[in-house]
Amino acid sequence: MILTKERQASRRIRHLPGEPGIWVMICGDMMMFSIMFIVFLFYRRDDLELFQSSQSHLNQSFGLINTFFMLTSSWCVAMAVEAARARRIKSTVVLFRLGFACGLGFAIIKIAEYAQEISAGIVINTNDFYMYYYVFTGIHFLHVLIGMGVLAFMAQYATKGDFAPIKIGHFESGASFWHLVDLLWIALFALLYLLK
C-alpha cells in the first residue's frame, strides 16, 4: 500500500512522547493503582456506612486546592514541553519552575492536611477507610516528591539550551511521569473525597 505524502508526514509527526521505558513504568504504576482502587471499592461496599462517615471528616477544601495545584502544574509542564519544542529556553525554564512551585504547594497543603487529621486523632489504624486513605495518599505523595525532583532537574537541564531531539525526549519523559502523578491525584480525589 502506497502512502500519500500527507499521510507519511502525519505518521512522522505523531509519536509516543518520551522514552519507551517511561511508558512501561507508567503502565505498571497505573496497574498497581487500579488494583488498589478495586480493593478499596470492594471493601467499601461491605461497610459503606463506615467509609461514608469517615470520608465526611476529610477536608474537601484541602483536596480541592490540591486538585487545582496538580491541574495547574500539569498545564505548566505541558506548556514547558511545547516551549522546548519551539526552542524557547527562558519560557521552558520558567514553566518547569512554575510546575515545581505548584507541586510544592500541593506538598505543603498535603502536610497541613495530614497534621490536621493526626491532631484530631485520625491515624492509619483508626479504621479501614483511613488505612486506605493514608496508604494511597502516602504512595501518591512519594510520587509527587519524585516528580518534583524530576521537574527541578528539567528546569536546570533546560537552562543549558541545545534542545536536540534527544533532549526533547527527556523533557517528554519527565512530563509524562508528572501527568501520571496528576491523573492519579484526580482519581484519588474522586475516590476518597467525593464518592458517595
Protein backbone atom coordinates (compact mmCIF):
# COMPACT_ATOMS: atom_id res chain seq x y z
CA MET A 1 0.00 0.00 0.00
CA ILE A 2 1.44 3.35 -1.03
CA LEU A 3 1.01 6.20 1.42
CA THR A 4 0.41 9.72 0.23
CA LYS A 5 2.98 12.35 1.19
CA GLU A 6 0.45 13.91 3.56
CA ARG A 7 -0.13 10.61 5.41
CA GLN A 8 3.61 9.90 5.54
CA ALA A 9 4.21 13.35 7.10
CA SER A 10 1.38 12.73 9.57
CA ARG A 11 2.97 9.42 10.61
CA ARG A 12 6.33 11.10 11.19
CA ILE A 13 4.79 13.84 13.34
CA ARG A 14 2.80 11.52 15.62
CA HIS A 15 4.90 9.68 18.15
CA LEU A 16 4.69 8.41 21.69
CA PRO A 17 6.18 11.21 23.81
CA GLY A 18 9.31 10.35 25.75
CA GLU A 19 11.29 7.16 26.06
CA PRO A 20 9.57 3.74 25.78
CA GLY A 21 10.83 2.80 29.27
CA ILE A 22 8.83 5.59 30.92
CA TRP A 23 5.66 4.12 29.44
CA VAL A 24 6.45 0.70 30.90
CA MET A 25 6.79 2.36 34.31
CA ILE A 26 3.62 4.44 33.84
CA CYS A 27 1.59 1.38 32.79
CA GLY A 28 2.94 -0.58 35.77
CA ASP A 29 2.04 2.26 38.14
CA MET A 30 -1.44 2.55 36.67
CA MET A 31 -2.00 -1.19 37.03
CA MET A 32 -0.88 -1.08 40.68
CA PHE A 33 -3.18 1.84 41.50
CA SER A 34 -6.06 0.24 39.57
CA ILE A 35 -5.78 -2.89 41.70
CA MET A 36 -5.64 -0.76 44.85
CA PHE A 37 -8.77 1.14 43.77
CA ILE A 38 -10.65 -2.09 43.06
CA VAL A 39 -9.72 -3.45 46.51
CA PHE A 40 -10.86 -0.16 48.09
CA LEU A 41 -14.23 -0.29 46.29
CA PHE A 42 -14.71 -3.96 47.24
CA TYR A 43 -14.21 -3.29 50.96
CA ARG A 44 -16.14 -0.02 50.78
CA ARG A 45 -19.17 -1.93 49.53
CA ASP A 46 -19.01 -4.21 52.60
CA ASP A 47 -19.01 -1.32 55.10
CA LEU A 48 -20.49 1.65 53.26
CA GLU A 49 -21.62 3.47 56.41
CA LEU A 50 -18.13 3.43 57.97
CA PHE A 51 -16.49 4.61 54.74
CA GLN A 52 -19.01 7.43 54.21
CA SER A 53 -18.85 8.67 57.80
CA SER A 54 -15.04 8.57 57.75
CA GLN A 55 -14.94 10.36 54.40
CA SER A 56 -17.03 13.20 55.84
CA HIS A 57 -14.12 14.08 58.18
CA LEU A 58 -11.71 14.72 55.30
CA ASN A 59 -11.06 18.37 54.47
CA GLN A 60 -12.58 18.75 50.99
CA SER A 61 -11.21 22.28 50.70
CA PHE A 62 -7.66 20.95 51.01
CA GLY A 63 -8.47 18.28 48.43
CA LEU A 64 -9.90 20.86 46.04
CA ILE A 65 -6.92 23.22 46.45
CA ASN A 66 -4.56 20.32 45.78
CA THR A 67 -6.56 19.41 42.68
CA PHE A 68 -6.09 22.99 41.46
CA PHE A 69 -2.34 22.77 42.16
CA MET A 70 -2.00 19.47 40.27
CA LEU A 71 -4.01 20.62 37.23
CA THR A 72 -2.15 23.94 37.06
CA SER A 73 1.18 22.19 37.41
CA SER A 74 0.35 19.74 34.63
CA TRP A 75 -0.63 22.63 32.37
CA CYS A 76 2.67 24.41 33.12
CA VAL A 77 4.65 21.26 32.37
CA ALA A 78 2.78 20.67 29.09
CA MET A 79 3.48 24.28 28.08
CA ALA A 80 7.15 23.85 29.07
CA VAL A 81 7.50 20.91 26.67
CA GLU A 82 5.82 22.96 23.92
CA ALA A 83 8.20 25.84 24.64
CA ALA A 84 11.16 23.44 24.46
CA ARG A 85 9.99 22.15 21.09
CA ALA A 86 9.88 25.79 19.91
CA ARG A 87 13.43 26.28 21.31
CA ARG A 88 12.29 28.99 23.77
CA ILE A 89 14.81 28.41 26.57
CA LYS A 90 13.62 31.06 29.04
CA SER A 91 9.94 30.05 28.75
CA THR A 92 10.84 26.39 29.17
CA VAL A 93 12.79 27.06 32.37
CA VAL A 94 10.12 29.37 33.84
CA LEU A 95 7.29 26.94 33.08
CA PHE A 96 9.11 23.95 34.60
CA ARG A 97 9.81 26.07 37.69
CA LEU A 98 6.14 27.08 37.91
CA GLY A 99 5.19 23.40 37.65
CA PHE A 100 7.61 22.67 40.50
CA ALA A 101 6.14 25.53 42.57
CA CYS A 102 2.64 24.10 42.16
CA GLY A 103 3.98 20.70 43.22
CA LEU A 104 5.47 22.35 46.29
CA GLY A 105 2.11 23.98 47.02
CA PHE A 106 0.48 20.55 46.80
CA ALA A 107 3.06 19.10 49.21
CA ILE A 108 2.56 21.91 51.76
CA ILE A 109 -1.23 21.53 51.69
CA LYS A 110 -0.98 17.73 51.99
CA ILE A 111 1.34 18.01 55.01
CA ALA A 112 -1.08 20.51 56.60
CA GLU A 113 -3.94 18.09 55.94
CA TYR A 114 -2.05 15.16 57.49
CA ALA A 115 -1.22 17.33 60.52
CA GLN A 116 -4.87 18.34 60.91
CA GLU A 117 -6.02 14.71 60.78
CA ILE A 118 -3.35 13.43 63.16
CA SER A 119 -4.07 16.22 65.66
CA ALA A 120 -7.75 15.13 65.56
CA GLY A 121 -6.66 11.59 66.45
CA ILE A 122 -7.22 10.23 62.92
CA VAL A 123 -4.29 7.92 62.14
CA ILE A 124 -3.62 4.99 59.83
CA ASN A 125 -5.08 2.40 62.24
CA THR A 126 -8.23 4.39 63.14
CA ASN A 127 -10.30 2.27 60.72
CA ASP A 128 -10.17 0.66 57.26
CA PHE A 129 -11.08 3.85 55.40
CA TYR A 130 -8.21 5.82 56.97
CA MET A 131 -5.82 2.94 56.40
CA TYR A 132 -6.60 3.13 52.68
CA TYR A 133 -6.53 6.94 52.78
CA TYR A 134 -3.07 7.13 54.33
CA VAL A 135 -1.59 4.33 52.19
CA PHE A 136 -3.00 5.65 48.89
CA THR A 137 -2.22 9.31 49.51
CA GLY A 138 1.17 8.40 51.03
CA ILE A 139 2.20 6.47 47.92
CA HIS A 140 0.92 9.33 45.77
CA PHE A 141 2.82 11.85 47.93
CA LEU A 142 6.01 9.88 47.29
CA HIS A 143 5.27 10.16 43.55
CA VAL A 144 4.81 13.93 43.98
CA LEU A 145 8.21 14.25 45.68
CA ILE A 146 9.92 12.20 42.95
CA GLY A 147 8.10 14.25 40.31
CA MET A 148 9.23 17.50 41.92
CA GLY A 149 12.80 16.23 41.73
CA VAL A 150 12.26 15.49 38.04
CA LEU A 151 10.80 18.97 37.44
CA ALA A 152 13.70 20.65 39.27
CA PHE A 153 16.16 18.63 37.18
CA MET A 154 14.35 19.50 33.92
CA ALA A 155 14.31 23.22 34.78
CA GLN A 156 18.07 23.10 35.35
CA TYR A 157 18.59 20.89 32.28
CA ALA A 158 16.69 23.44 30.16
CA THR A 159 19.00 26.31 31.18
CA LYS A 160 21.78 24.76 29.09
CA GLY A 161 19.76 25.17 25.88
CA ASP A 162 20.73 22.91 22.96
CA PHE A 163 17.24 21.42 22.59
CA ALA A 164 18.25 18.47 20.42
CA PRO A 165 15.60 15.79 19.73
CA ILE A 166 17.03 13.53 22.46
CA LYS A 167 16.70 16.36 24.99
CA ILE A 168 13.09 16.98 23.93
CA GLY A 169 12.54 13.24 24.51
CA HIS A 170 13.87 13.63 28.05
CA PHE A 171 11.50 16.55 28.66
CA GLU A 172 8.61 14.47 27.30
CA SER A 173 9.52 11.55 29.58
CA GLY A 174 9.60 13.74 32.68
CA ALA A 175 6.37 15.46 31.68
CA SER A 176 4.66 12.11 31.08
CA PHE A 177 5.58 10.99 34.60
CA TRP A 178 4.25 14.26 36.05
CA HIS A 179 0.98 13.88 34.11
CA LEU A 180 0.65 10.39 35.65
CA VAL A 181 1.01 11.96 39.12
CA ASP A 182 -1.73 14.45 38.19
CA LEU A 183 -4.03 11.72 36.84
CA LEU A 184 -3.57 9.60 39.96
CA TRP A 185 -4.48 12.56 42.18
CA ILE A 186 -7.68 13.21 40.18
CA ALA A 187 -8.67 9.57 40.69
CA LEU A 188 -7.77 9.70 44.40
CA PHE A 189 -9.67 12.94 44.94
CA ALA A 190 -12.79 11.48 43.34
CA LEU A 191 -12.48 8.15 45.18
CA LEU A 192 -11.58 9.38 48.66
CA TYR A 193 -13.20 12.81 48.89
CA LEU A 194 -16.19 12.81 46.54
CA LEU A 195 -17.55 9.29 46.06
CA LYS A 196 -20.86 8.92 47.90
